[in-house]
């Protein structure tokens, strides 16, 4: 993903999550995804999907059971 695209997604997520301290950071191993961090903690990944000529973004978030305790 290019920087303008990352900034647009970051602004969208901040608006949806009431201005949370969300930062998107490019991943070193791939160009089609970025890490989602809030207050310095990595919470998930945004993947770009541009198959079939349509562009969309998928958010993947893993929640560990010990984090719920």
PDB file of N, CA and C in Angstrom:
ATOM      1  N   UNK A   1       0.841  -1.176   0.000  1.00  0.00           N
ATOM      2  CA  UNK A   1       0.000   0.000   0.000  1.00  0.00           C
ATOM      3  C   UNK A   1       0.883   1.236   0.000  1.00  0.00           C
ATOM      4  N   UNK A   2       0.465   2.257  -0.704  1.00  0.00           N
ATOM      5  CA  UNK A   2       1.251   3.486  -0.725  1.00  0.00           C
ATOM      6  C   UNK A   2       0.827   4.406   0.412  1.00  0.00           C
ATOM      7  N   UNK A   3       1.643   5.416   0.722  1.00  0.00           N
ATOM      8  CA  UNK A   3       1.448   6.235   1.918  1.00  0.00           C
ATOM      9  C   UNK A   3       0.114   6.994   1.922  1.00  0.00           C
ATOM     10  N   UNK A   4      -0.342   7.484   0.774  1.00  0.00           N
ATOM     11  CA  UNK A   4      -1.632   8.191   0.722  1.00  0.00           C
ATOM     12  C   UNK A   4      -2.784   7.252   1.085  1.00  0.00           C
ATOM     13  N   UNK A   5      -2.713   6.047   0.597  1.00  0.00           N
ATOM     14  CA  UNK A   5      -3.721   5.028   0.885  1.00  0.00           C
ATOM     15  C   UNK A   5      -3.726   4.691   2.384  1.00  0.00           C
ATOM     16  N   UNK A   6      -2.552   4.536   2.967  1.00  0.00           N
ATOM     17  CA  UNK A   6      -2.431   4.237   4.392  1.00  0.00           C
ATOM     18  C   UNK A   6      -3.021   5.373   5.222  1.00  0.00           C
ATOM     19  N   UNK A   7      -2.746   6.609   4.848  1.00  0.00           N
ATOM     20  CA  UNK A   7      -3.275   7.764   5.579  1.00  0.00           C
ATOM     21  C   UNK A   7      -4.794   7.813   5.517  1.00  0.00           C
ATOM     22  N   UNK A   8      -5.376   7.492   4.373  1.00  0.00           N
ATOM     23  CA  UNK A   8      -6.837   7.485   4.241  1.00  0.00           C
ATOM     24  C   UNK A   8      -7.471   6.410   5.120  1.00  0.00           C
ATOM     25  N   UNK A   9      -6.880   5.231   5.135  1.00  0.00           N
ATOM     26  CA  UNK A   9      -7.400   4.133   5.973  1.00  0.00           C
ATOM     27  C   UNK A   9      -7.254   4.498   7.449  1.00  0.00           C
ATOM     28  N   UNK A  10      -6.115   5.075   7.816  1.00  0.00           N
ATOM     29  CA  UNK A  10      -5.884   5.476   9.205  1.00  0.00           C
ATOM     30  C   UNK A  10      -6.920   6.516   9.636  1.00  0.00           C
ATOM     31  N   UNK A  11      -7.196   7.509   8.802  1.00  0.00           N
ATOM     32  CA  UNK A  11      -8.199   8.531   9.116  1.00  0.00           C
ATOM     33  C   UNK A  11      -9.585   7.900   9.256  1.00  0.00           C
ATOM     34  N   UNK A  12      -9.908   6.950   8.392  1.00  0.00           N
ATOM     35  CA  UNK A  12     -11.196   6.253   8.473  1.00  0.00           C
ATOM     36  C   UNK A  12     -11.331   5.518   9.798  1.00  0.00           C
ATOM     37  N   UNK A  13     -10.285   4.774  10.193  1.00  0.00           N
ATOM     38  CA  UNK A  13     -10.334   4.011  11.443  1.00  0.00           C
ATOM     39  C   UNK A  13     -10.409   4.930  12.656  1.00  0.00           C
ATOM     40  N   UNK A  14      -9.676   6.044  12.636  1.00  0.00           N
ATOM     41  CA  UNK A  14      -9.739   7.000  13.747  1.00  0.00           C
ATOM     42  C   UNK A  14     -11.150   7.566  13.887  1.00  0.00           C
ATOM     43  N   UNK A  15     -11.798   7.858  12.766  1.00  0.00           N
ATOM     44  CA  UNK A  15     -13.165   8.381  12.807  1.00  0.00           C
ATOM     45  C   UNK A  15     -14.133   7.334  13.346  1.00  0.00           C
ATOM     46  N   UNK A  16     -13.983   6.103  12.934  1.00  0.00           N
ATOM     47  CA  UNK A  16     -14.877   5.026  13.376  1.00  0.00           C
ATOM     48  C   UNK A  16     -14.666   4.660  14.841  1.00  0.00           C
ATOM     49  N   UNK A  17     -13.440   4.812  15.348  1.00  0.00           N
ATOM     50  CA  UNK A  17     -13.129   4.454  16.724  1.00  0.00           C
ATOM     51  C   UNK A  17     -12.910   5.696  17.584  1.00  0.00           C
ATOM     52  N   UNK A  18     -13.687   6.714  17.336  1.00  0.00           N
ATOM     53  CA  UNK A  18     -13.726   7.946  18.149  1.00  0.00           C
ATOM     54  C   UNK A  18     -12.358   8.582  18.389  1.00  0.00           C
ATOM     55  N   UNK A  19     -11.561   8.682  17.349  1.00  0.00           N
ATOM     56  CA  UNK A  19     -10.286   9.379  17.454  1.00  0.00           C
ATOM     57  C   UNK A  19      -9.222   8.664  18.246  1.00  0.00           C
ATOM     58  N   UNK A  20      -9.349   7.362  18.410  1.00  0.00           N
ATOM     59  CA  UNK A  20      -8.348   6.584  19.148  1.00  0.00           C
ATOM     60  C   UNK A  20      -6.958   6.804  18.542  1.00  0.00           C
ATOM     61  N   UNK A  21      -5.941   6.590  19.328  1.00  0.00           N
ATOM     62  CA  UNK A  21      -4.552   6.787  18.904  1.00  0.00           C
ATOM     63  C   UNK A  21      -4.123   5.651  17.969  1.00  0.00           C
ATOM     64  N   UNK A  22      -4.780   5.571  16.816  1.00  0.00           N
ATOM     65  CA  UNK A  22      -4.527   4.500  15.846  1.00  0.00           C
ATOM     66  C   UNK A  22      -3.428   4.934  14.889  1.00  0.00           C
ATOM     67  N   UNK A  23      -2.460   4.052  14.722  1.00  0.00           N
ATOM     68  CA  UNK A  23      -1.385   4.291  13.766  1.00  0.00           C
ATOM     69  C   UNK A  23      -1.243   3.043  12.906  1.00  0.00           C
ATOM     70  N   UNK A  24      -1.144   3.241  11.607  1.00  0.00           N
ATOM     71  CA  UNK A  24      -0.905   2.131  10.683  1.00  0.00           C
ATOM     72  C   UNK A  24       0.562   2.163  10.270  1.00  0.00           C
ATOM     73  N   UNK A  25       1.223   1.019  10.402  1.00  0.00           N
ATOM     74  CA  UNK A  25       2.633   0.916  10.058  1.00  0.00           C
ATOM     75  C   UNK A  25       2.818  -0.148   8.991  1.00  0.00           C
ATOM     76  N   UNK A  26       3.517   0.178   7.901  1.00  0.00           N
ATOM     77  CA  UNK A  26       3.785  -0.833   6.870  1.00  0.00           C
ATOM     78  C   UNK A  26       4.537  -2.022   7.458  1.00  0.00           C
ATOM     79  N   UNK A  27       4.202  -3.192   6.974  1.00  0.00           N
ATOM     80  CA  UNK A  27       4.893  -4.415   7.396  1.00  0.00           C
ATOM     81  C   UNK A  27       6.111  -4.610   6.506  1.00  0.00           C
ATOM     82  N   UNK A  28       7.197  -5.078   7.075  1.00  0.00           N
ATOM     83  CA  UNK A  28       8.440  -5.244   6.324  1.00  0.00           C
ATOM     84  C   UNK A  28       8.366  -6.379   5.312  1.00  0.00           C
ATOM     85  N   UNK A  29       7.641  -7.437   5.661  1.00  0.00           N
ATOM     86  CA  UNK A  29       7.660  -8.636   4.823  1.00  0.00           C
ATOM     87  C   UNK A  29       6.694  -8.604   3.647  1.00  0.00           C
ATOM     88  N   UNK A  30       5.777  -7.642   3.592  1.00  0.00           N
ATOM     89  CA  UNK A  30       4.821  -7.602   2.497  1.00  0.00           C
ATOM     90  C   UNK A  30       4.363  -6.177   2.225  1.00  0.00           C
ATOM     91  N   UNK A  31       3.963  -5.902   1.003  1.00  0.00           N
ATOM     92  CA  UNK A  31       3.523  -4.560   0.624  1.00  0.00           C
ATOM     93  C   UNK A  31       2.007  -4.425   0.584  1.00  0.00           C
ATOM     94  N   UNK A  32       1.279  -5.525   0.790  1.00  0.00           N
ATOM     95  CA  UNK A  32      -0.181  -5.468   0.658  1.00  0.00           C
ATOM     96  C   UNK A  32      -0.898  -5.376   2.002  1.00  0.00           C
ATOM     97  N   UNK A  33      -0.140  -5.090   3.083  1.00  0.00           N
ATOM     98  CA  UNK A  33      -0.774  -4.996   4.394  1.00  0.00           C
ATOM     99  C   UNK A  33      -0.005  -4.058   5.311  1.00  0.00           C
ATOM    100  N   UNK A  34      -0.703  -3.590   6.352  1.00  0.00           N
ATOM    101  CA  UNK A  34      -0.108  -2.731   7.367  1.00  0.00           C
ATOM    102  C   UNK A  34      -0.562  -3.206   8.743  1.00  0.00           C
ATOM    103  N   UNK A  35       0.244  -2.920   9.769  1.00  0.00           N
ATOM    104  CA  UNK A  35      -0.119  -3.252  11.146  1.00  0.00           C
ATOM    105  C   UNK A  35      -0.953  -2.132  11.734  1.00  0.00           C
ATOM    106  N   UNK A  36      -1.951  -2.491  12.530  1.00  0.00           N
ATOM    107  CA  UNK A  36      -2.750  -1.522  13.276  1.00  0.00           C
ATOM    108  C   UNK A  36      -2.205  -1.487  14.690  1.00  0.00           C
ATOM    109  N   UNK A  37      -1.799  -0.306  15.163  1.00  0.00           N
ATOM    110  CA  UNK A  37      -1.375  -0.158  16.543  1.00  0.00           C
ATOM    111  C   UNK A  37      -2.220   0.914  17.219  1.00  0.00           C
ATOM    112  N   UNK A  38      -2.526   0.683  18.476  1.00  0.00           N
ATOM    113  CA  UNK A  38      -3.219   1.673  19.299  1.00  0.00           C
ATOM    114  C   UNK A  38      -2.404   1.822  20.567  1.00  0.00           C
ATOM    115  N   UNK A  39      -1.989   3.053  20.836  1.00  0.00           N
ATOM    116  CA  UNK A  39      -1.166   3.354  22.012  1.00  0.00           C
ATOM    117  C   UNK A  39       0.055   2.443  22.083  1.00  0.00           C
ATOM    118  N   UNK A  40       0.673   2.179  20.939  1.00  0.00           N
ATOM    119  CA  UNK A  40       1.890   1.387  20.880  1.00  0.00           C
ATOM    120  C   UNK A  40       1.716  -0.114  20.885  1.00  0.00           C
ATOM    121  N   UNK A  41       0.474  -0.602  21.019  1.00  0.00           N
ATOM    122  CA  UNK A  41       0.232  -2.043  21.047  1.00  0.00           C
ATOM    123  C   UNK A  41      -0.341  -2.497  19.703  1.00  0.00           C
ATOM    124  N   UNK A  42       0.293  -3.495  19.097  1.00  0.00           N
ATOM    125  CA  UNK A  42      -0.199  -4.027  17.827  1.00  0.00           C
ATOM    126  C   UNK A  42      -1.471  -4.823  18.076  1.00  0.00           C
ATOM    127  N   UNK A  43      -2.539  -4.448  17.354  1.00  0.00           N
ATOM    128  CA  UNK A  43      -3.833  -5.107  17.546  1.00  0.00           C
ATOM    129  C   UNK A  43      -4.287  -5.917  16.349  1.00  0.00           C
ATOM    130  N   UNK A  44      -3.725  -5.657  15.192  1.00  0.00           N
ATOM    131  CA  UNK A  44      -4.180  -6.392  14.023  1.00  0.00           C
ATOM    132  C   UNK A  44      -3.477  -5.954  12.766  1.00  0.00           C
ATOM    133  N   UNK A  45      -4.057  -6.382  11.651  1.00  0.00           N
ATOM    134  CA  UNK A  45      -3.485  -6.121  10.336  1.00  0.00           C
ATOM    135  C   UNK A  45      -4.602  -5.723   9.385  1.00  0.00           C
ATOM    136  N   UNK A  46      -4.299  -4.776   8.498  1.00  0.00           N
ATOM    137  CA  UNK A  46      -5.210  -4.426   7.407  1.00  0.00           C
ATOM    138  C   UNK A  46      -4.592  -4.963   6.128  1.00  0.00           C
ATOM    139  N   UNK A  47      -5.353  -5.788   5.406  1.00  0.00           N
ATOM    140  CA  UNK A  47      -4.915  -6.353   4.137  1.00  0.00           C
ATOM    141  C   UNK A  47      -5.634  -5.672   2.992  1.00  0.00           C
ATOM    142  N   UNK A  48      -4.926  -5.407   1.912  1.00  0.00           N
ATOM    143  CA  UNK A  48      -5.528  -4.865   0.699  1.00  0.00           C
ATOM    144  C   UNK A  48      -5.901  -6.022  -0.212  1.00  0.00           C
ATOM    145  N   UNK A  49      -7.113  -5.967  -0.750  1.00  0.00           N
ATOM    146  CA  UNK A  49      -7.609  -6.983  -1.677  1.00  0.00           C
ATOM    147  C   UNK A  49      -8.046  -6.266  -2.944  1.00  0.00           C
ATOM    148  N   UNK A  50      -7.324  -6.487  -4.021  1.00  0.00           N
ATOM    149  CA  UNK A  50      -7.674  -5.815  -5.278  1.00  0.00           C
ATOM    150  C   UNK A  50      -7.932  -6.800  -6.412  1.00  0.00           C
ATOM    151  N   UNK A  51      -8.425  -7.967  -6.052  1.00  0.00           N
ATOM    152  CA  UNK A  51      -8.784  -8.956  -7.069  1.00  0.00           C
ATOM    153  C   UNK A  51     -10.043  -8.523  -7.805  1.00  0.00           C
ATOM    154  N   UNK A  52     -10.204  -8.978  -9.003  1.00  0.00           N
ATOM    155  CA  UNK A  52     -11.394  -8.739  -9.823  1.00  0.00           C
ATOM    156  C   UNK A  52     -11.649  -7.257 -10.087  1.00  0.00           C
ATOM    157  N   UNK A  53     -10.622  -6.404  -9.956  1.00  0.00           N
ATOM    158  CA  UNK A  53     -10.774  -4.992 -10.258  1.00  0.00           C
ATOM    159  C   UNK A  53     -11.410  -4.161  -9.163  1.00  0.00           C
ATOM    160  N   UNK A  54     -11.925  -4.781  -8.115  1.00  0.00           N
ATOM    161  CA  UNK A  54     -12.496  -4.054  -6.988  1.00  0.00           C
ATOM    162  C   UNK A  54     -11.469  -4.002  -5.864  1.00  0.00           C
ATOM    163  N   UNK A  55     -11.325  -2.832  -5.249  1.00  0.00           N
ATOM    164  CA  UNK A  55     -10.383  -2.699  -4.142  1.00  0.00           C
ATOM    165  C   UNK A  55     -11.159  -2.637  -2.838  1.00  0.00           C
ATOM    166  N   UNK A  56     -10.748  -3.456  -1.880  1.00  0.00           N
ATOM    167  CA  UNK A  56     -11.329  -3.400  -0.538  1.00  0.00           C
ATOM    168  C   UNK A  56     -10.220  -3.731   0.451  1.00  0.00           C
ATOM    169  N   UNK A  57     -10.513  -3.499   1.730  1.00  0.00           N
ATOM    170  CA  UNK A  57      -9.527  -3.704   2.774  1.00  0.00           C
ATOM    171  C   UNK A  57     -10.142  -4.590   3.850  1.00  0.00           C
ATOM    172  N   UNK A  58      -9.391  -5.566   4.298  1.00  0.00           N
ATOM    173  CA  UNK A  58      -9.854  -6.499   5.333  1.00  0.00           C
ATOM    174  C   UNK A  58      -9.049  -6.257   6.597  1.00  0.00           C
ATOM    175  N   UNK A  59      -9.739  -6.194   7.725  1.00  0.00           N
ATOM    176  CA  UNK A  59      -9.078  -6.027   9.014  1.00  0.00           C
ATOM    177  C   UNK A  59      -9.093  -7.371   9.730  1.00  0.00           C
ATOM    178  N   UNK A  60      -7.918  -7.816  10.157  1.00  0.00           N
ATOM    179  CA  UNK A  60      -7.790  -9.055  10.915  1.00  0.00           C
ATOM    180  C   UNK A  60      -7.256  -8.704  12.295  1.00  0.00           C
ATOM    181  N   UNK A  61      -7.968  -9.172  13.322  1.00  0.00           N
ATOM    182  CA  UNK A  61      -7.560  -8.882  14.702  1.00  0.00           C
ATOM    183  C   UNK A  61      -7.618 -10.168  15.511  1.00  0.00           C
ATOM    184  N   UNK A  62      -6.552 -10.468  16.217  1.00  0.00           N
ATOM    185  CA  UNK A  62      -6.486 -11.649  17.061  1.00  0.00           C
ATOM    186  C   UNK A  62      -6.574 -11.221  18.521  1.00  0.00           C
ATOM    187  N   UNK A  63      -7.463 -11.874  19.269  1.00  0.00           N
ATOM    188  CA  UNK A  63      -7.616 -11.593  20.689  1.00  0.00           C
ATOM    189  C   UNK A  63      -7.262 -12.867  21.448  1.00  0.00           C
ATOM    190  N   UNK A  64      -6.229 -12.805  22.261  1.00  0.00           N
ATOM    191  CA  UNK A  64      -5.798 -13.960  23.043  1.00  0.00           C
ATOM    192  C   UNK A  64      -6.699 -14.116  24.276  1.00  0.00           C
ATOM    193  N   UNK A  65      -6.977 -15.343  24.665  1.00  0.00           N
ATOM    194  CA  UNK A  65      -7.858 -15.584  25.810  1.00  0.00           C
ATOM    195  C   UNK A  65      -7.294 -14.968  27.096  1.00  0.00           C
ATOM    196  N   UNK A  66      -5.976 -14.973  27.246  1.00  0.00           N
ATOM    197  CA  UNK A  66      -5.397 -14.387  28.474  1.00  0.00           C
ATOM    198  C   UNK A  66      -5.570 -12.873  28.533  1.00  0.00           C
ATOM    199  N   UNK A  67      -5.780 -12.241  27.381  1.00  0.00           N
ATOM    200  CA  UNK A  67      -6.042 -10.806  27.363  1.00  0.00           C
ATOM    201  C   UNK A  67      -7.442 -10.475  27.856  1.00  0.00           C
ATOM    202  N   UNK A  68      -8.334 -11.458  27.890  1.00  0.00           N
ATOM    203  CA  UNK A  68      -9.706 -11.234  28.322  1.00  0.00           C
ATOM    204  C   UNK A  68      -9.882 -11.384  29.834  1.00  0.00           C
ATOM    205  N   UNK A  69      -8.885 -11.937  30.488  1.00  0.00           N
ATOM    206  CA  UNK A  69      -8.996 -12.196  31.935  1.00  0.00           C
ATOM    207  C   UNK A  69      -8.805 -10.931  32.743  1.00  0.00           C
TER     208      UNK A  69
END
